[in-house]
């Protein structure tokens, strides 16, 4: 939240509610990630934390780009369900 607001060129002091909501969202996301299988976790890690394209991920783990796309879509759908 703070990073987003700072990107907009504005600064504000977060109140306790904002901090608590961010903390709870972070916990919920971590718990949801635990429910993914290892391949889904790997795809999300490579795509969103390491900034790789689907083609780069496919080459790195030895599957097709279409499979990466399906795994990514499935993992994100599961995360939305649990968060």
N, C-alpha and C. Protein backbone atom coordinates (compact mmCIF):
# COMPACT_ATOMS: atom_id res chain seq x y z
N UNK A 1 0.82 -1.19 0.00
CA UNK A 1 0.00 0.00 0.00
C UNK A 1 0.87 1.25 0.00
N UNK A 2 1.86 1.32 0.88
CA UNK A 2 2.73 2.48 0.95
C UNK A 2 3.46 2.69 -0.36
N UNK A 3 3.98 1.59 -0.94
CA UNK A 3 4.71 1.70 -2.20
C UNK A 3 3.80 2.24 -3.29
N UNK A 4 2.56 1.78 -3.34
CA UNK A 4 1.61 2.23 -4.35
C UNK A 4 1.35 3.72 -4.20
N UNK A 5 1.13 4.16 -2.99
CA UNK A 5 0.85 5.57 -2.75
C UNK A 5 2.08 6.41 -3.09
N UNK A 6 3.27 5.93 -2.75
CA UNK A 6 4.48 6.67 -3.07
C UNK A 6 4.70 6.74 -4.57
N UNK A 7 4.31 5.71 -5.30
CA UNK A 7 4.41 5.73 -6.76
C UNK A 7 3.55 6.83 -7.34
N UNK A 8 2.47 7.15 -6.68
CA UNK A 8 1.59 8.21 -7.15
C UNK A 8 2.12 9.59 -6.79
N UNK A 9 3.25 9.63 -6.10
CA UNK A 9 3.85 10.90 -5.74
C UNK A 9 3.22 11.53 -4.51
N UNK A 10 2.45 10.77 -3.78
CA UNK A 10 1.81 11.26 -2.57
C UNK A 10 2.33 10.47 -1.38
N UNK A 11 2.34 11.13 -0.27
CA UNK A 11 2.70 10.43 0.95
C UNK A 11 1.59 10.66 1.96
N UNK A 12 1.32 9.64 2.73
CA UNK A 12 0.36 9.78 3.82
C UNK A 12 0.80 8.87 4.94
N UNK A 13 0.35 9.15 6.11
CA UNK A 13 0.65 8.32 7.26
C UNK A 13 -0.39 7.21 7.30
N UNK A 14 0.08 6.00 7.40
CA UNK A 14 -0.85 4.88 7.50
C UNK A 14 -1.41 4.81 8.91
N UNK A 15 -2.69 4.55 8.99
CA UNK A 15 -3.25 4.34 10.31
C UNK A 15 -3.17 2.86 10.67
N UNK A 16 -3.52 2.54 11.89
CA UNK A 16 -3.41 1.16 12.36
C UNK A 16 -4.27 0.21 11.53
N UNK A 17 -5.44 0.66 11.09
CA UNK A 17 -6.32 -0.20 10.29
C UNK A 17 -5.64 -0.61 8.99
N UNK A 18 -5.00 0.36 8.29
CA UNK A 18 -4.28 0.04 7.05
C UNK A 18 -3.18 -0.98 7.31
N UNK A 19 -2.44 -0.79 8.38
CA UNK A 19 -1.34 -1.70 8.71
C UNK A 19 -1.88 -3.10 9.02
N UNK A 20 -2.95 -3.17 9.79
CA UNK A 20 -3.54 -4.46 10.13
C UNK A 20 -4.08 -5.17 8.88
N UNK A 21 -4.75 -4.43 8.00
CA UNK A 21 -5.29 -5.03 6.78
C UNK A 21 -4.16 -5.57 5.90
N UNK A 22 -3.08 -4.81 5.77
CA UNK A 22 -1.93 -5.25 4.97
C UNK A 22 -1.35 -6.52 5.57
N UNK A 23 -1.20 -6.55 6.88
CA UNK A 23 -0.64 -7.70 7.58
C UNK A 23 -1.52 -8.93 7.38
N UNK A 24 -2.83 -8.76 7.49
CA UNK A 24 -3.75 -9.88 7.31
C UNK A 24 -3.76 -10.37 5.87
N UNK A 25 -3.68 -9.46 4.91
CA UNK A 25 -3.61 -9.86 3.50
C UNK A 25 -2.34 -10.65 3.23
N UNK A 26 -1.25 -10.21 3.81
CA UNK A 26 0.03 -10.90 3.62
C UNK A 26 -0.03 -12.31 4.19
N UNK A 27 -0.60 -12.47 5.36
CA UNK A 27 -0.75 -13.80 5.97
C UNK A 27 -1.64 -14.68 5.10
N UNK A 28 -2.76 -14.14 4.64
CA UNK A 28 -3.69 -14.91 3.81
C UNK A 28 -2.99 -15.37 2.53
N UNK A 29 -2.21 -14.48 1.91
CA UNK A 29 -1.50 -14.85 0.68
C UNK A 29 -0.47 -15.93 0.95
N UNK A 30 0.28 -15.82 2.02
CA UNK A 30 1.28 -16.85 2.35
C UNK A 30 0.61 -18.21 2.58
N UNK A 31 -0.51 -18.20 3.27
CA UNK A 31 -1.23 -19.46 3.51
C UNK A 31 -1.78 -20.03 2.21
N UNK A 32 -2.27 -19.17 1.33
CA UNK A 32 -2.80 -19.63 0.04
C UNK A 32 -1.68 -20.22 -0.81
N UNK A 33 -0.51 -19.61 -0.80
CA UNK A 33 0.62 -20.12 -1.58
C UNK A 33 1.03 -21.50 -1.10
N UNK A 34 0.93 -21.75 0.18
CA UNK A 34 1.27 -23.07 0.73
C UNK A 34 0.41 -24.17 0.13
N UNK A 35 -0.80 -23.83 -0.31
CA UNK A 35 -1.73 -24.82 -0.85
C UNK A 35 -1.45 -25.16 -2.32
N UNK A 36 -0.58 -24.40 -2.97
CA UNK A 36 -0.24 -24.69 -4.37
C UNK A 36 0.74 -25.84 -4.44
N UNK A 37 0.75 -26.55 -5.57
CA UNK A 37 1.75 -27.59 -5.72
C UNK A 37 3.10 -26.95 -6.09
N UNK A 38 4.16 -27.74 -6.03
CA UNK A 38 5.51 -27.19 -6.23
C UNK A 38 5.70 -26.56 -7.60
N UNK A 39 5.13 -27.17 -8.63
CA UNK A 39 5.29 -26.63 -9.98
C UNK A 39 4.60 -25.27 -10.11
N UNK A 40 3.41 -25.15 -9.53
CA UNK A 40 2.69 -23.87 -9.56
C UNK A 40 3.47 -22.79 -8.81
N UNK A 41 4.02 -23.16 -7.65
CA UNK A 41 4.83 -22.21 -6.88
C UNK A 41 6.03 -21.76 -7.69
N UNK A 42 6.69 -22.71 -8.37
CA UNK A 42 7.86 -22.38 -9.18
C UNK A 42 7.49 -21.43 -10.31
N UNK A 43 6.40 -21.71 -11.01
CA UNK A 43 5.97 -20.84 -12.11
C UNK A 43 5.69 -19.43 -11.60
N UNK A 44 4.96 -19.30 -10.50
CA UNK A 44 4.66 -17.97 -9.96
C UNK A 44 5.92 -17.26 -9.51
N UNK A 45 6.84 -17.99 -8.89
CA UNK A 45 8.10 -17.39 -8.45
C UNK A 45 8.88 -16.84 -9.65
N UNK A 46 9.01 -17.66 -10.67
CA UNK A 46 9.77 -17.23 -11.84
C UNK A 46 9.07 -16.08 -12.57
N UNK A 47 7.76 -16.15 -12.68
CA UNK A 47 7.01 -15.12 -13.42
C UNK A 47 6.94 -13.80 -12.67
N UNK A 48 6.58 -13.83 -11.39
CA UNK A 48 6.27 -12.59 -10.69
C UNK A 48 7.36 -12.07 -9.77
N UNK A 49 8.20 -12.95 -9.26
CA UNK A 49 9.28 -12.48 -8.40
C UNK A 49 10.58 -12.29 -9.17
N UNK A 50 10.77 -13.10 -10.20
CA UNK A 50 12.01 -13.00 -10.97
C UNK A 50 11.79 -12.34 -12.32
N UNK A 51 10.53 -12.03 -12.66
CA UNK A 51 10.22 -11.26 -13.85
C UNK A 51 10.43 -11.95 -15.18
N UNK A 52 10.39 -13.26 -15.19
CA UNK A 52 10.60 -14.00 -16.43
C UNK A 52 9.32 -14.04 -17.27
N UNK A 53 9.48 -14.16 -18.57
CA UNK A 53 8.33 -14.33 -19.46
C UNK A 53 7.88 -15.79 -19.40
N UNK A 54 6.69 -16.06 -19.94
CA UNK A 54 6.23 -17.44 -19.97
C UNK A 54 7.15 -18.31 -20.81
N UNK A 55 7.67 -17.78 -21.89
CA UNK A 55 8.60 -18.55 -22.74
C UNK A 55 9.89 -18.86 -21.98
N UNK A 56 10.41 -17.89 -21.24
CA UNK A 56 11.63 -18.12 -20.44
C UNK A 56 11.38 -19.18 -19.37
N UNK A 57 10.24 -19.10 -18.72
CA UNK A 57 9.89 -20.10 -17.69
C UNK A 57 9.79 -21.48 -18.33
N UNK A 58 9.12 -21.55 -19.47
CA UNK A 58 8.96 -22.83 -20.17
C UNK A 58 10.31 -23.44 -20.49
N UNK A 59 11.22 -22.65 -21.04
CA UNK A 59 12.55 -23.14 -21.38
C UNK A 59 13.31 -23.61 -20.13
N UNK A 60 13.17 -22.85 -19.05
CA UNK A 60 13.91 -23.15 -17.82
C UNK A 60 13.44 -24.45 -17.17
N UNK A 61 12.14 -24.72 -17.19
CA UNK A 61 11.67 -25.92 -16.50
C UNK A 61 11.28 -27.04 -17.45
N UNK A 62 11.46 -26.82 -18.74
CA UNK A 62 11.29 -27.90 -19.71
C UNK A 62 9.87 -28.27 -20.07
N UNK A 63 8.98 -27.28 -20.12
CA UNK A 63 7.62 -27.52 -20.57
C UNK A 63 7.27 -26.48 -21.63
N UNK A 64 6.10 -26.60 -22.23
CA UNK A 64 5.71 -25.64 -23.26
C UNK A 64 5.20 -24.34 -22.64
N UNK A 65 5.21 -23.29 -23.44
CA UNK A 65 4.68 -22.00 -22.99
C UNK A 65 3.20 -22.14 -22.65
N UNK A 66 2.47 -22.93 -23.41
CA UNK A 66 1.04 -23.15 -23.15
C UNK A 66 0.83 -23.80 -21.78
N UNK A 67 1.71 -24.73 -21.42
CA UNK A 67 1.60 -25.37 -20.10
C UNK A 67 1.88 -24.36 -18.99
N UNK A 68 2.87 -23.49 -19.22
CA UNK A 68 3.17 -22.44 -18.24
C UNK A 68 1.93 -21.56 -18.06
N UNK A 69 1.32 -21.19 -19.17
CA UNK A 69 0.13 -20.34 -19.12
C UNK A 69 -0.98 -21.01 -18.32
N UNK A 70 -1.21 -22.29 -18.55
CA UNK A 70 -2.26 -23.02 -17.82
C UNK A 70 -1.93 -23.13 -16.33
N UNK A 71 -0.68 -23.43 -16.02
CA UNK A 71 -0.27 -23.52 -14.61
C UNK A 71 -0.43 -22.17 -13.90
N UNK A 72 -0.01 -21.12 -14.58
CA UNK A 72 -0.11 -19.78 -14.01
C UNK A 72 -1.58 -19.41 -13.77
N UNK A 73 -2.42 -19.65 -14.75
CA UNK A 73 -3.84 -19.34 -14.63
C UNK A 73 -4.48 -20.12 -13.49
N UNK A 74 -4.16 -21.40 -13.40
CA UNK A 74 -4.70 -22.24 -12.35
C UNK A 74 -4.24 -21.77 -10.97
N UNK A 75 -2.96 -21.47 -10.84
CA UNK A 75 -2.41 -21.03 -9.55
C UNK A 75 -3.05 -19.71 -9.12
N UNK A 76 -3.19 -18.78 -10.04
CA UNK A 76 -3.80 -17.49 -9.69
C UNK A 76 -5.27 -17.65 -9.30
N UNK A 77 -5.95 -18.54 -9.98
CA UNK A 77 -7.36 -18.81 -9.65
C UNK A 77 -7.47 -19.36 -8.23
N UNK A 78 -6.57 -20.28 -7.89
CA UNK A 78 -6.57 -20.86 -6.54
C UNK A 78 -6.26 -19.79 -5.49
N UNK A 79 -5.29 -18.93 -5.79
CA UNK A 79 -4.94 -17.87 -4.84
C UNK A 79 -6.13 -16.96 -4.60
N UNK A 80 -6.82 -16.58 -5.67
CA UNK A 80 -7.99 -15.72 -5.51
C UNK A 80 -9.05 -16.39 -4.64
N UNK A 81 -9.19 -17.70 -4.79
CA UNK A 81 -10.18 -18.44 -4.02
C UNK A 81 -9.86 -18.41 -2.52
N UNK A 82 -8.59 -18.49 -2.18
CA UNK A 82 -8.19 -18.58 -0.78
C UNK A 82 -7.93 -17.24 -0.12
N UNK A 83 -7.79 -16.19 -0.92
CA UNK A 83 -7.46 -14.87 -0.32
C UNK A 83 -8.69 -14.02 -0.19
